[in-house]
Amino acid sequence: MKDYDTYIFDLDGTLLDTLGDLTASVNHAMAIFGLPQHTQEEVRRMVGNGIGKLIERAIPAGKDNPQFGSILSTFTAHYLAHSMDRTRPYDGITTLLSALHKQGKRLAIVSNKQQAATTKLCRHFFNETISVAIGESGNVRRKPAPDTVDEALRQLGASKDGAVYIGDSEVDIATARAAGLSCISVLWGFRDRQFLIQHGATCFVSRPEEILAGN
């Protein structure tokens, strides 16, 4: 694996297995409004483009549903209160980040998760290794636009030379391409290898330690 100076990570499906909590919050909102429940596998296919798109995909008629805003607010409130009930780092992630941090690498998170939840999870799980965490705020275009990556680089004081973006989805591949960065696609997240290949992935890792240079 190539050695980089700056490592920018997606959050859900890359650093953290958040699917259980996302599914629980989706189904809480569905129950409140008398809508059908979703399996975890169904929610897996809905995530990646922010919570607005998640709820749009989860409810009948999507954004045209007259209760869309209320359902989104219900989901958001529940998720912020329960985002760490089941969520945990994937095996090997904490060790990887510690190793990169000790090597003096610049580390950041760029996610389409709401900024408040992104900050909360980063501080809880990665406070000692990651200081920059950019989520969806409404002030900057979310992925796959390059804006959040550019903002992370600005906060890190880093250039695109020597930077890599690491994620688990087609959104992350498109984000890296838009930002002009190399992309590493992880295979433990929410999308499988064949799906990622179909969306342009060319570099894969099956275990976090493979990201370290020399592995």
N, C-alpha and C. Protein backbone atom coordinates (compact mmCIF):
# COMPACT_ATOMS: atom_id res chain seq x y z
N MET A 1 0.85 -1.19 0.00
CA MET A 1 0.00 0.00 0.00
C MET A 1 0.89 1.25 0.00
N LYS A 2 0.49 2.22 -0.80
CA LYS A 2 1.23 3.48 -0.89
C LYS A 2 1.18 4.23 0.43
N ASP A 3 2.25 4.96 0.70
CA ASP A 3 2.31 5.80 1.90
C ASP A 3 1.78 7.19 1.58
N TYR A 4 0.81 7.66 2.35
CA TYR A 4 0.24 8.99 2.16
C TYR A 4 0.55 9.86 3.38
N ASP A 5 0.45 11.17 3.19
CA ASP A 5 0.63 12.11 4.30
C ASP A 5 -0.68 12.39 5.02
N THR A 6 -1.80 12.32 4.27
CA THR A 6 -3.11 12.69 4.79
C THR A 6 -4.12 11.60 4.46
N TYR A 7 -4.87 11.17 5.47
CA TYR A 7 -5.87 10.12 5.31
C TYR A 7 -7.23 10.68 5.72
N ILE A 8 -8.15 10.76 4.75
CA ILE A 8 -9.49 11.26 5.02
C ILE A 8 -10.45 10.07 4.92
N PHE A 9 -11.20 9.85 5.99
CA PHE A 9 -12.06 8.68 6.09
C PHE A 9 -13.54 9.05 6.03
N ASP A 10 -14.31 8.24 5.33
CA ASP A 10 -15.75 8.20 5.52
C ASP A 10 -16.00 7.64 6.92
N LEU A 11 -17.21 7.79 7.44
CA LEU A 11 -17.50 7.34 8.80
C LEU A 11 -18.32 6.05 8.81
N ASP A 12 -19.59 6.14 8.40
CA ASP A 12 -20.48 4.98 8.42
C ASP A 12 -20.02 3.93 7.42
N GLY A 13 -19.83 2.71 7.88
CA GLY A 13 -19.43 1.64 6.98
C GLY A 13 -17.94 1.58 6.71
N THR A 14 -17.21 2.56 7.21
CA THR A 14 -15.76 2.61 7.01
C THR A 14 -15.02 2.53 8.34
N LEU A 15 -15.29 3.49 9.23
CA LEU A 15 -14.71 3.45 10.57
C LEU A 15 -15.65 2.81 11.57
N LEU A 16 -16.94 3.09 11.44
CA LEU A 16 -17.93 2.62 12.40
C LEU A 16 -19.01 1.77 11.75
N ASP A 17 -19.40 0.71 12.44
CA ASP A 17 -20.58 -0.06 12.04
C ASP A 17 -21.78 0.57 12.72
N THR A 18 -22.46 1.43 11.98
CA THR A 18 -23.58 2.21 12.52
C THR A 18 -24.94 1.67 12.09
N LEU A 19 -24.95 0.56 11.37
CA LEU A 19 -26.17 0.12 10.72
C LEU A 19 -27.27 -0.24 11.71
N GLY A 20 -26.92 -0.84 12.83
CA GLY A 20 -27.93 -1.21 13.81
C GLY A 20 -28.67 -0.01 14.38
N ASP A 21 -27.93 1.04 14.72
CA ASP A 21 -28.56 2.23 15.27
C ASP A 21 -29.35 3.00 14.22
N LEU A 22 -28.83 3.05 12.99
CA LEU A 22 -29.58 3.71 11.91
C LEU A 22 -30.90 2.99 11.66
N THR A 23 -30.85 1.66 11.63
CA THR A 23 -32.07 0.89 11.39
C THR A 23 -33.07 1.10 12.52
N ALA A 24 -32.60 1.10 13.75
CA ALA A 24 -33.50 1.30 14.90
C ALA A 24 -34.18 2.67 14.84
N SER A 25 -33.42 3.70 14.44
CA SER A 25 -34.00 5.04 14.38
C SER A 25 -34.96 5.20 13.22
N VAL A 26 -34.64 4.58 12.09
CA VAL A 26 -35.57 4.58 10.96
C VAL A 26 -36.88 3.92 11.39
N ASN A 27 -36.80 2.77 12.02
CA ASN A 27 -38.01 2.04 12.38
C ASN A 27 -38.78 2.71 13.51
N HIS A 28 -38.07 3.44 14.37
CA HIS A 28 -38.77 4.25 15.38
C HIS A 28 -39.65 5.29 14.69
N ALA A 29 -39.07 5.98 13.71
CA ALA A 29 -39.85 6.99 12.98
C ALA A 29 -40.98 6.35 12.20
N MET A 30 -40.72 5.19 11.59
CA MET A 30 -41.77 4.50 10.84
C MET A 30 -42.94 4.14 11.78
N ALA A 31 -42.61 3.65 12.96
CA ALA A 31 -43.66 3.25 13.90
C ALA A 31 -44.49 4.43 14.36
N ILE A 32 -43.83 5.55 14.64
CA ILE A 32 -44.54 6.74 15.10
C ILE A 32 -45.58 7.19 14.07
N PHE A 33 -45.25 7.04 12.79
CA PHE A 33 -46.15 7.52 11.74
C PHE A 33 -46.92 6.39 11.06
N GLY A 34 -46.90 5.21 11.67
CA GLY A 34 -47.71 4.10 11.16
C GLY A 34 -47.26 3.58 9.82
N LEU A 35 -45.97 3.62 9.55
CA LEU A 35 -45.42 3.17 8.27
C LEU A 35 -44.72 1.83 8.42
N PRO A 36 -44.53 1.10 7.32
CA PRO A 36 -43.91 -0.23 7.39
C PRO A 36 -42.47 -0.18 7.90
N GLN A 37 -42.10 -1.19 8.67
CA GLN A 37 -40.75 -1.32 9.18
C GLN A 37 -39.79 -1.78 8.06
N HIS A 38 -38.50 -1.55 8.28
CA HIS A 38 -37.48 -1.96 7.31
C HIS A 38 -36.48 -2.90 7.96
N THR A 39 -36.00 -3.86 7.20
CA THR A 39 -34.94 -4.73 7.69
C THR A 39 -33.61 -3.98 7.66
N GLN A 40 -32.65 -4.50 8.39
CA GLN A 40 -31.32 -3.89 8.40
C GLN A 40 -30.70 -3.93 7.01
N GLU A 41 -30.96 -4.99 6.27
CA GLU A 41 -30.41 -5.09 4.91
C GLU A 41 -31.03 -4.03 4.00
N GLU A 42 -32.30 -3.74 4.17
CA GLU A 42 -32.94 -2.68 3.39
C GLU A 42 -32.33 -1.32 3.72
N VAL A 43 -32.12 -1.06 5.00
CA VAL A 43 -31.53 0.21 5.40
C VAL A 43 -30.10 0.32 4.88
N ARG A 44 -29.37 -0.78 4.86
CA ARG A 44 -28.01 -0.78 4.31
C ARG A 44 -27.98 -0.19 2.90
N ARG A 45 -28.98 -0.54 2.10
CA ARG A 45 -29.01 -0.06 0.72
C ARG A 45 -29.48 1.39 0.61
N MET A 46 -30.05 1.93 1.68
CA MET A 46 -30.59 3.30 1.65
C MET A 46 -29.58 4.35 2.09
N VAL A 47 -28.55 3.96 2.83
CA VAL A 47 -27.65 4.93 3.42
C VAL A 47 -26.56 5.36 2.44
N GLY A 48 -25.92 6.49 2.75
CA GLY A 48 -24.78 6.95 1.97
C GLY A 48 -24.89 8.37 1.45
N ASN A 49 -26.13 8.87 1.38
CA ASN A 49 -26.33 10.21 0.81
C ASN A 49 -26.93 11.21 1.80
N GLY A 50 -26.77 10.95 3.08
CA GLY A 50 -27.31 11.85 4.10
C GLY A 50 -28.67 11.39 4.61
N ILE A 51 -29.09 11.97 5.75
CA ILE A 51 -30.30 11.49 6.39
C ILE A 51 -31.56 11.88 5.62
N GLY A 52 -31.52 13.00 4.92
CA GLY A 52 -32.67 13.37 4.11
C GLY A 52 -32.97 12.34 3.05
N LYS A 53 -31.93 11.90 2.36
CA LYS A 53 -32.10 10.89 1.32
C LYS A 53 -32.48 9.55 1.94
N LEU A 54 -31.94 9.24 3.12
CA LEU A 54 -32.30 8.00 3.81
C LEU A 54 -33.80 7.95 4.07
N ILE A 55 -34.35 9.01 4.63
CA ILE A 55 -35.79 9.03 4.93
C ILE A 55 -36.60 9.08 3.64
N GLU A 56 -36.12 9.80 2.65
CA GLU A 56 -36.80 9.82 1.36
C GLU A 56 -36.95 8.42 0.79
N ARG A 57 -35.90 7.61 0.94
CA ARG A 57 -35.93 6.24 0.43
C ARG A 57 -36.76 5.32 1.31
N ALA A 58 -36.91 5.69 2.57
CA ALA A 58 -37.56 4.79 3.53
C ALA A 58 -39.08 4.90 3.55
N ILE A 59 -39.62 6.03 3.08
CA ILE A 59 -41.06 6.25 3.25
C ILE A 59 -41.78 6.27 1.90
N PRO A 60 -43.06 5.89 1.90
CA PRO A 60 -43.85 5.94 0.67
C PRO A 60 -43.92 7.37 0.13
N ALA A 61 -43.73 7.53 -1.17
CA ALA A 61 -43.80 8.82 -1.88
C ALA A 61 -42.60 9.71 -1.62
N GLY A 62 -41.64 9.25 -0.81
CA GLY A 62 -40.40 9.99 -0.62
C GLY A 62 -40.62 11.42 -0.16
N LYS A 63 -39.96 12.37 -0.80
CA LYS A 63 -40.06 13.77 -0.40
C LYS A 63 -41.43 14.36 -0.69
N ASP A 64 -42.21 13.68 -1.51
CA ASP A 64 -43.57 14.15 -1.80
C ASP A 64 -44.54 13.76 -0.70
N ASN A 65 -44.10 12.91 0.21
CA ASN A 65 -44.96 12.55 1.34
C ASN A 65 -45.18 13.80 2.19
N PRO A 66 -46.44 14.17 2.47
CA PRO A 66 -46.70 15.40 3.23
C PRO A 66 -46.12 15.39 4.64
N GLN A 67 -45.79 14.20 5.14
CA GLN A 67 -45.21 14.10 6.48
C GLN A 67 -43.69 13.97 6.47
N PHE A 68 -43.10 14.18 5.31
CA PHE A 68 -41.65 13.96 5.16
C PHE A 68 -40.85 14.73 6.23
N GLY A 69 -41.12 16.02 6.38
CA GLY A 69 -40.36 16.84 7.32
C GLY A 69 -40.50 16.37 8.75
N SER A 70 -41.71 15.98 9.13
CA SER A 70 -41.95 15.51 10.49
C SER A 70 -41.27 14.17 10.74
N ILE A 71 -41.30 13.30 9.75
CA ILE A 71 -40.64 12.00 9.89
C ILE A 71 -39.13 12.18 10.00
N LEU A 72 -38.58 13.07 9.18
CA LEU A 72 -37.15 13.35 9.23
C LEU A 72 -36.76 13.89 10.60
N SER A 73 -37.53 14.80 11.13
CA SER A 73 -37.24 15.37 12.45
C SER A 73 -37.31 14.31 13.54
N THR A 74 -38.28 13.43 13.44
CA THR A 74 -38.44 12.35 14.42
C THR A 74 -37.24 11.41 14.37
N PHE A 75 -36.84 11.04 13.16
CA PHE A 75 -35.66 10.20 13.00
C PHE A 75 -34.43 10.88 13.60
N THR A 76 -34.22 12.14 13.25
CA THR A 76 -33.03 12.87 13.67
C THR A 76 -32.93 12.94 15.19
N ALA A 77 -34.03 13.28 15.85
CA ALA A 77 -34.02 13.38 17.30
C ALA A 77 -33.71 12.04 17.95
N HIS A 78 -34.32 10.98 17.44
CA HIS A 78 -34.08 9.65 18.00
C HIS A 78 -32.65 9.21 17.76
N TYR A 79 -32.14 9.48 16.57
CA TYR A 79 -30.78 9.01 16.26
C TYR A 79 -29.73 9.74 17.10
N LEU A 80 -29.90 11.03 17.28
CA LEU A 80 -28.93 11.77 18.10
C LEU A 80 -28.90 11.24 19.53
N ALA A 81 -30.04 10.76 20.02
CA ALA A 81 -30.11 10.23 21.38
C ALA A 81 -29.64 8.78 21.47
N HIS A 82 -29.61 8.08 20.35
CA HIS A 82 -29.33 6.64 20.38
C HIS A 82 -28.24 6.22 19.39
N SER A 83 -27.39 7.15 18.99
CA SER A 83 -26.41 6.85 17.94
C SER A 83 -25.26 5.96 18.40
N MET A 84 -25.18 5.71 19.71
CA MET A 84 -24.10 4.87 20.22
C MET A 84 -24.61 3.64 20.96
N ASP A 85 -25.89 3.30 20.77
CA ASP A 85 -26.45 2.13 21.45
C ASP A 85 -25.77 0.84 20.97
N ARG A 86 -25.61 0.70 19.67
CA ARG A 86 -25.04 -0.50 19.07
C ARG A 86 -23.76 -0.21 18.29
N THR A 87 -23.53 1.04 17.97
CA THR A 87 -22.42 1.43 17.09
C THR A 87 -21.07 1.15 17.74
N ARG A 88 -20.17 0.57 16.94
CA ARG A 88 -18.81 0.29 17.40
C ARG A 88 -17.84 0.42 16.22
N PRO A 89 -16.57 0.73 16.48
CA PRO A 89 -15.58 0.69 15.40
C PRO A 89 -15.44 -0.74 14.87
N TYR A 90 -15.20 -0.85 13.58
CA TYR A 90 -14.90 -2.16 13.02
C TYR A 90 -13.59 -2.68 13.61
N ASP A 91 -13.46 -4.00 13.66
CA ASP A 91 -12.25 -4.61 14.18
C ASP A 91 -11.02 -4.08 13.44
N GLY A 92 -10.03 -3.64 14.20
CA GLY A 92 -8.78 -3.17 13.62
C GLY A 92 -8.73 -1.69 13.35
N ILE A 93 -9.85 -0.99 13.42
CA ILE A 93 -9.87 0.44 13.09
C ILE A 93 -9.12 1.27 14.13
N THR A 94 -9.37 1.03 15.40
CA THR A 94 -8.69 1.80 16.45
C THR A 94 -7.18 1.63 16.36
N THR A 95 -6.75 0.40 16.11
CA THR A 95 -5.31 0.12 15.96
C THR A 95 -4.74 0.84 14.75
N LEU A 96 -5.47 0.82 13.64
CA LEU A 96 -5.02 1.51 12.42
C LEU A 96 -4.85 3.00 12.68
N LEU A 97 -5.85 3.64 13.26
CA LEU A 97 -5.79 5.08 13.48
C LEU A 97 -4.66 5.44 14.44
N SER A 98 -4.47 4.63 15.46
CA SER A 98 -3.37 4.88 16.40
C SER A 98 -2.02 4.79 15.69
N ALA A 99 -1.87 3.81 14.81
CA ALA A 99 -0.61 3.65 14.08
C ALA A 99 -0.36 4.83 13.16
N LEU A 100 -1.40 5.27 12.44
CA LEU A 100 -1.24 6.42 11.54
C LEU A 100 -0.93 7.68 12.34
N HIS A 101 -1.61 7.84 13.47
CA HIS A 101 -1.39 9.02 14.31
C HIS A 101 0.06 9.05 14.81
N LYS A 102 0.57 7.91 15.24
CA LYS A 102 1.94 7.83 15.75
C LYS A 102 2.95 8.12 14.64
N GLN A 103 2.58 7.84 13.40
CA GLN A 103 3.45 8.12 12.26
C GLN A 103 3.41 9.59 11.85
N GLY A 104 2.57 10.38 12.51
CA GLY A 104 2.47 11.80 12.20
C GLY A 104 1.59 12.12 11.01
N LYS A 105 0.72 11.18 10.64
CA LYS A 105 -0.17 11.44 9.51
C LYS A 105 -1.30 12.39 9.92
N ARG A 106 -1.78 13.15 8.96
CA ARG A 106 -2.96 13.99 9.19
C ARG A 106 -4.20 13.14 8.95
N LEU A 107 -5.16 13.19 9.88
CA LEU A 107 -6.34 12.34 9.82
C LEU A 107 -7.61 13.18 9.94
N ALA A 108 -8.61 12.83 9.12
CA ALA A 108 -9.89 13.54 9.19
C ALA A 108 -11.02 12.59 8.82
N ILE A 109 -12.21 12.97 9.25
CA ILE A 109 -13.44 12.29 8.84
C ILE A 109 -14.25 13.25 7.98
N VAL A 110 -14.76 12.73 6.86
CA VAL A 110 -15.70 13.48 6.02
C VAL A 110 -16.90 12.58 5.77
N SER A 111 -18.06 13.00 6.24
CA SER A 111 -19.24 12.14 6.22
C SER A 111 -20.45 12.92 5.73
N ASN A 112 -21.44 12.18 5.21
CA ASN A 112 -22.73 12.78 4.90
C ASN A 112 -23.68 12.69 6.09
N LYS A 113 -23.21 12.17 7.21
CA LYS A 113 -24.00 12.15 8.44
C LYS A 113 -24.12 13.58 8.96
N GLN A 114 -25.23 13.88 9.61
CA GLN A 114 -25.45 15.21 10.18
C GLN A 114 -24.25 15.61 11.06
N GLN A 115 -23.87 16.89 11.00
CA GLN A 115 -22.68 17.36 11.70
C GLN A 115 -22.71 17.03 13.19
N ALA A 116 -23.83 17.23 13.84
CA ALA A 116 -23.90 16.97 15.28
C ALA A 116 -23.59 15.52 15.60
N ALA A 117 -24.13 14.60 14.83
CA ALA A 117 -23.88 13.18 15.07
C ALA A 117 -22.44 12.81 14.71
N THR A 118 -21.92 13.39 13.63
CA THR A 118 -20.53 13.14 13.22
C THR A 118 -19.57 13.58 14.33
N THR A 119 -19.78 14.77 14.85
CA THR A 119 -18.93 15.29 15.92
C THR A 119 -19.02 14.43 17.17
N LYS A 120 -20.24 14.06 17.55
CA LYS A 120 -20.46 13.25 18.74
C LYS A 120 -19.74 11.91 18.66
N LEU A 121 -19.88 11.23 17.52
CA LEU A 121 -19.26 9.92 17.35
C LEU A 121 -17.74 10.01 17.27
N CYS A 122 -17.24 11.03 16.58
CA CYS A 122 -15.80 11.21 16.48
C CYS A 122 -15.18 11.46 17.85
N ARG A 123 -15.79 12.33 18.62
CA ARG A 123 -15.25 12.64 19.95
C ARG A 123 -15.28 11.43 20.87
N HIS A 124 -16.34 10.62 20.74
CA HIS A 124 -16.47 9.47 21.62
C HIS A 124 -15.48 8.36 21.27
N PHE A 125 -15.36 8.06 19.98
CA PHE A 125 -14.58 6.90 19.57
C PHE A 125 -13.14 7.23 19.15
N PHE A 126 -12.93 8.44 18.62
CA PHE A 126 -11.63 8.72 17.99
C PHE A 126 -11.00 10.02 18.47
N ASN A 127 -11.35 10.46 19.66
CA ASN A 127 -10.91 11.76 20.15
C ASN A 127 -9.40 11.89 20.21
N GLU A 128 -8.70 10.80 20.44
CA GLU A 128 -7.24 10.86 20.60
C GLU A 128 -6.50 10.85 19.27
N THR A 129 -7.19 10.52 18.19
CA THR A 129 -6.48 10.39 16.91
C THR A 129 -7.01 11.29 15.79
N ILE A 130 -8.28 11.67 15.84
CA ILE A 130 -8.86 12.47 14.76
C ILE A 130 -9.43 13.77 15.33
N SER A 131 -8.93 14.90 14.84
CA SER A 131 -9.36 16.21 15.36
C SER A 131 -10.29 16.95 14.41
N VAL A 132 -10.33 16.53 13.14
CA VAL A 132 -11.17 17.20 12.15
C VAL A 132 -12.25 16.23 11.69
N ALA A 133 -13.51 16.62 11.90
CA ALA A 133 -14.64 15.78 11.49
C ALA A 133 -15.69 16.66 10.83
N ILE A 134 -15.89 16.46 9.55
CA ILE A 134 -16.82 17.28 8.77
C ILE A 134 -18.05 16.44 8.42
N GLY A 135 -19.23 16.92 8.82
CA GLY A 135 -20.48 16.26 8.48
C GLY A 135 -21.37 17.18 7.66
N GLU A 136 -22.62 16.75 7.48
CA GLU A 136 -23.58 17.55 6.72
C GLU A 136 -24.10 18.68 7.60
N SER A 137 -23.96 19.91 7.11
CA SER A 137 -24.39 21.07 7.90
C SER A 137 -25.34 22.00 7.17
N GLY A 138 -25.45 21.83 5.87
CA GLY A 138 -26.26 22.76 5.09
C GLY A 138 -25.48 23.94 4.59
N ASN A 139 -24.29 24.17 5.15
CA ASN A 139 -23.46 25.29 4.73
C ASN A 139 -22.49 24.92 3.60
N VAL A 140 -22.25 23.63 3.46
CA VAL A 140 -21.31 23.13 2.45
C VAL A 140 -21.98 21.98 1.72
N ARG A 141 -21.79 21.91 0.42
CA ARG A 141 -22.38 20.81 -0.34
C ARG A 141 -21.85 19.48 0.16
N ARG A 142 -22.75 18.52 0.33
CA ARG A 142 -22.33 17.21 0.83
C ARG A 142 -21.74 16.36 -0.29
N LYS A 143 -21.11 15.27 0.10
CA LYS A 143 -20.57 14.32 -0.87
C LYS A 143 -21.69 13.84 -1.80
N PRO A 144 -21.41 13.60 -3.07
CA PRO A 144 -20.09 13.48 -3.70
C PRO A 144 -19.44 14.78 -4.17
N ALA A 145 -20.05 15.93 -3.89
CA ALA A 145 -19.33 17.18 -4.17
C ALA A 145 -18.04 17.20 -3.36
N PRO A 146 -16.99 17.85 -3.85
CA PRO A 146 -15.70 17.82 -3.16
C PRO A 146 -15.58 18.79 -1.99
N ASP A 147 -16.61 19.60 -1.74
CA ASP A 147 -16.51 20.72 -0.81
C ASP A 147 -16.10 20.30 0.61
N THR A 148 -16.69 19.21 1.13
CA THR A 148 -16.37 18.80 2.49
C THR A 148 -14.94 18.26 2.59
N VAL A 149 -14.49 17.59 1.53
CA VAL A 149 -13.09 17.15 1.49
C VAL A 149 -12.16 18.36 1.47
N ASP A 150 -12.49 19.34 0.65
CA ASP A 150 -11.68 20.56 0.58
C ASP A 150 -11.63 21.26 1.94
N GLU A 151 -12.77 21.28 2.64
CA GLU A 151 -12.80 21.91 3.96
C GLU A 151 -11.95 21.13 4.96
N ALA A 152 -11.99 19.82 4.90
CA ALA A 152 -11.15 19.02 5.79
C ALA A 152 -9.68 19.27 5.53
N LEU A 153 -9.29 19.34 4.27
CA LEU A 153 -7.90 19.63 3.94
C LEU A 153 -7.49 21.00 4.45
N ARG A 154 -8.40 21.97 4.32
CA ARG A 154 -8.11 23.33 4.81
C ARG A 154 -7.88 23.31 6.32
N GLN A 155 -8.75 22.62 7.04
CA GLN A 155 -8.61 22.58 8.49
C GLN A 155 -7.36 21.82 8.93
N LEU A 156 -6.96 20.84 8.15
CA LEU A 156 -5.76 20.08 8.46
C LEU A 156 -4.48 20.82 8.07
N GLY A 157 -4.63 21.85 7.22
CA GLY A 157 -3.46 22.51 6.68
C GLY A 157 -2.71 21.63 5.71
N ALA A 158 -3.45 20.80 4.97
CA ALA A 158 -2.86 19.81 4.06
C ALA A 158 -3.23 20.12 2.62
N SER A 159 -2.42 19.63 1.70
CA SER A 159 -2.70 19.77 0.28
C SER A 159 -3.23 18.45 -0.27
N LYS A 160 -3.73 18.48 -1.48
CA LYS A 160 -4.23 17.25 -2.10
C LYS A 160 -3.10 16.30 -2.49
N ASP A 161 -1.92 16.86 -2.67
CA ASP A 161 -0.77 16.00 -2.94
C ASP A 161 -0.49 15.16 -1.70
N GLY A 162 -0.47 13.87 -1.87
CA GLY A 162 -0.20 12.99 -0.74
C GLY A 162 -1.40 12.68 0.12
N ALA A 163 -2.62 13.03 -0.36
CA ALA A 163 -3.84 12.75 0.39
C ALA A 163 -4.62 11.62 -0.27
N VAL A 164 -5.34 10.85 0.53
CA VAL A 164 -6.17 9.75 0.03
C VAL A 164 -7.51 9.78 0.73
N TYR A 165 -8.56 9.39 0.01
CA TYR A 165 -9.89 9.27 0.59
C TYR A 165 -10.25 7.80 0.71
N ILE A 166 -10.79 7.42 1.87
CA ILE A 166 -11.07 6.02 2.16
C ILE A 166 -12.55 5.87 2.53
N GLY A 167 -13.26 5.00 1.80
CA GLY A 167 -14.68 4.82 2.07
C GLY A 167 -15.18 3.47 1.62
N ASP A 168 -16.48 3.25 1.83
CA ASP A 168 -17.05 1.93 1.55
C ASP A 168 -18.12 1.95 0.46
N SER A 169 -18.39 3.11 -0.15
CA SER A 169 -19.54 3.19 -1.04
C SER A 169 -19.22 3.86 -2.37
N GLU A 170 -20.22 3.82 -3.25
CA GLU A 170 -20.11 4.49 -4.54
C GLU A 170 -20.02 6.01 -4.36
N VAL A 171 -20.65 6.53 -3.31
CA VAL A 171 -20.57 7.96 -3.02
C VAL A 171 -19.13 8.36 -2.72
N ASP A 172 -18.42 7.50 -2.01
CA ASP A 172 -17.04 7.80 -1.66
C ASP A 172 -16.12 7.76 -2.88
N ILE A 173 -16.37 6.83 -3.78
CA ILE A 173 -15.60 6.77 -5.03
C ILE A 173 -15.79 8.06 -5.82
N ALA A 174 -17.04 8.49 -5.94
CA ALA A 174 -17.34 9.71 -6.69
C ALA A 174 -16.77 10.94 -5.99
N THR A 175 -16.77 10.93 -4.66
CA THR A 175 -16.23 12.05 -3.89
C THR A 175 -14.73 12.19 -4.13
N ALA A 176 -14.02 11.08 -4.04
CA ALA A 176 -12.58 11.10 -4.27
C ALA A 176 -12.27 11.59 -5.68
N ARG A 177 -13.04 11.12 -6.64
CA ARG A 177 -12.83 11.54 -8.03
C ARG A 177 -13.06 13.04 -8.17
N ALA A 178 -14.15 13.55 -7.58
CA ALA A 178 -14.46 14.98 -7.69
C ALA A 178 -13.41 15.84 -7.01
N ALA A 179 -12.83 15.31 -5.92
CA ALA A 179 -11.83 16.07 -5.17
C ALA A 179 -10.42 15.92 -5.74
N GLY A 180 -10.24 15.01 -6.68
CA GLY A 180 -8.93 14.80 -7.26
C GLY A 180 -8.00 14.01 -6.36
N LEU A 181 -8.57 13.11 -5.55
CA LEU A 181 -7.77 12.29 -4.65
C LEU A 181 -7.79 10.83 -5.06
N SER A 182 -6.77 10.10 -4.65
CA SER A 182 -6.80 8.65 -4.76
C SER A 182 -7.89 8.13 -3.84
N CYS A 183 -8.39 6.92 -4.14
CA CYS A 183 -9.47 6.34 -3.34
C CYS A 183 -9.13 4.91 -2.97
N ILE A 184 -9.33 4.58 -1.70
CA ILE A 184 -9.25 3.21 -1.23
C ILE A 184 -10.66 2.78 -0.82
N SER A 185 -11.14 1.68 -1.38
CA SER A 185 -12.47 1.17 -1.05
C SER A 185 -12.35 0.00 -0.08
N VAL A 186 -13.04 0.10 1.06
CA VAL A 186 -12.98 -0.97 2.05
C VAL A 186 -14.10 -1.97 1.80
N LEU A 187 -13.83 -3.23 2.14
CA LEU A 187 -14.77 -4.30 1.82
C LEU A 187 -15.53 -4.82 3.04
N TRP A 188 -15.42 -4.14 4.19
CA TRP A 188 -16.15 -4.58 5.37
C TRP A 188 -17.39 -3.72 5.61
N GLY A 189 -17.69 -2.80 4.71
CA GLY A 189 -18.77 -1.84 4.95
C GLY A 189 -20.10 -2.20 4.35
N PHE A 190 -20.79 -1.19 3.79
CA PHE A 190 -22.19 -1.35 3.38
C PHE A 190 -22.36 -1.77 1.92
N ARG A 191 -21.28 -1.88 1.16
CA ARG A 191 -21.36 -2.28 -0.25
C ARG A 191 -20.37 -3.42 -0.50
N ASP A 192 -20.69 -4.30 -1.47
CA ASP A 192 -19.78 -5.41 -1.75
C ASP A 192 -18.85 -5.07 -2.90
N ARG A 193 -17.85 -5.94 -3.12
CA ARG A 193 -16.81 -5.67 -4.11
C ARG A 193 -17.38 -5.47 -5.51
N GLN A 194 -18.29 -6.35 -5.94
CA GLN A 194 -18.81 -6.25 -7.30
C GLN A 194 -19.55 -4.93 -7.51
N PHE A 195 -20.32 -4.52 -6.53
CA PHE A 195 -21.03 -3.24 -6.62
C PHE A 195 -20.03 -2.09 -6.74
N LEU A 196 -18.98 -2.13 -5.95
CA LEU A 196 -17.98 -1.07 -5.98
C LEU A 196 -17.23 -1.05 -7.31
N ILE A 197 -16.91 -2.22 -7.84
CA ILE A 197 -16.25 -2.29 -9.15
C ILE A 197 -17.13 -1.65 -10.21
N GLN A 198 -18.42 -1.94 -10.14
CA GLN A 198 -19.36 -1.36 -11.12
C GLN A 198 -19.40 0.16 -11.04
N HIS A 199 -19.01 0.71 -9.91
CA HIS A 199 -19.02 2.17 -9.72
C HIS A 199 -17.62 2.77 -9.77
N GLY A 200 -16.67 2.00 -10.28
CA GLY A 200 -15.37 2.58 -10.58
C GLY A 200 -14.26 2.34 -9.59
N ALA A 201 -14.48 1.51 -8.57
CA ALA A 201 -13.43 1.24 -7.59
C ALA A 201 -12.30 0.44 -8.22
N THR A 202 -11.08 0.78 -7.83
CA THR A 202 -9.91 0.08 -8.37
C THR A 202 -8.94 -0.39 -7.29
N CYS A 203 -9.05 0.16 -6.09
CA CYS A 203 -8.13 -0.20 -5.00
C CYS A 203 -8.96 -0.66 -3.81
N PHE A 204 -8.71 -1.88 -3.33
CA PHE A 204 -9.53 -2.46 -2.28
C PHE A 204 -8.67 -2.91 -1.10
N VAL A 205 -9.26 -2.87 0.10
CA VAL A 205 -8.65 -3.49 1.28
C VAL A 205 -9.72 -4.31 1.99
N SER A 206 -9.31 -5.46 2.49
CA SER A 206 -10.23 -6.35 3.21
C SER A 206 -10.10 -6.22 4.72
N ARG A 207 -8.96 -5.67 5.19
CA ARG A 207 -8.72 -5.49 6.61
C ARG A 207 -8.08 -4.12 6.83
N PRO A 208 -8.39 -3.44 7.91
CA PRO A 208 -7.85 -2.10 8.15
C PRO A 208 -6.33 -2.03 8.09
N GLU A 209 -5.63 -3.04 8.60
CA GLU A 209 -4.17 -2.97 8.63
C GLU A 209 -3.55 -2.93 7.24
N GLU A 210 -4.30 -3.32 6.22
CA GLU A 210 -3.79 -3.27 4.85
C GLU A 210 -3.59 -1.83 4.37
N ILE A 211 -4.20 -0.88 5.05
CA ILE A 211 -4.07 0.53 4.67
C ILE A 211 -2.68 1.06 5.02
N LEU A 212 -2.03 0.47 6.00
CA LEU A 212 -0.71 0.91 6.40
C LEU A 212 0.30 0.65 5.28
N ALA A 213 1.18 1.61 5.06
CA ALA A 213 2.21 1.46 4.02
C ALA A 213 3.06 0.23 4.31
N GLY A 214 3.37 -0.50 3.24
CA GLY A 214 4.20 -1.69 3.37
C GLY A 214 3.41 -2.97 3.50
N ASN A 215 2.07 -2.86 3.67
CA ASN A 215 1.23 -4.05 3.80
C ASN A 215 0.56 -4.38 2.46
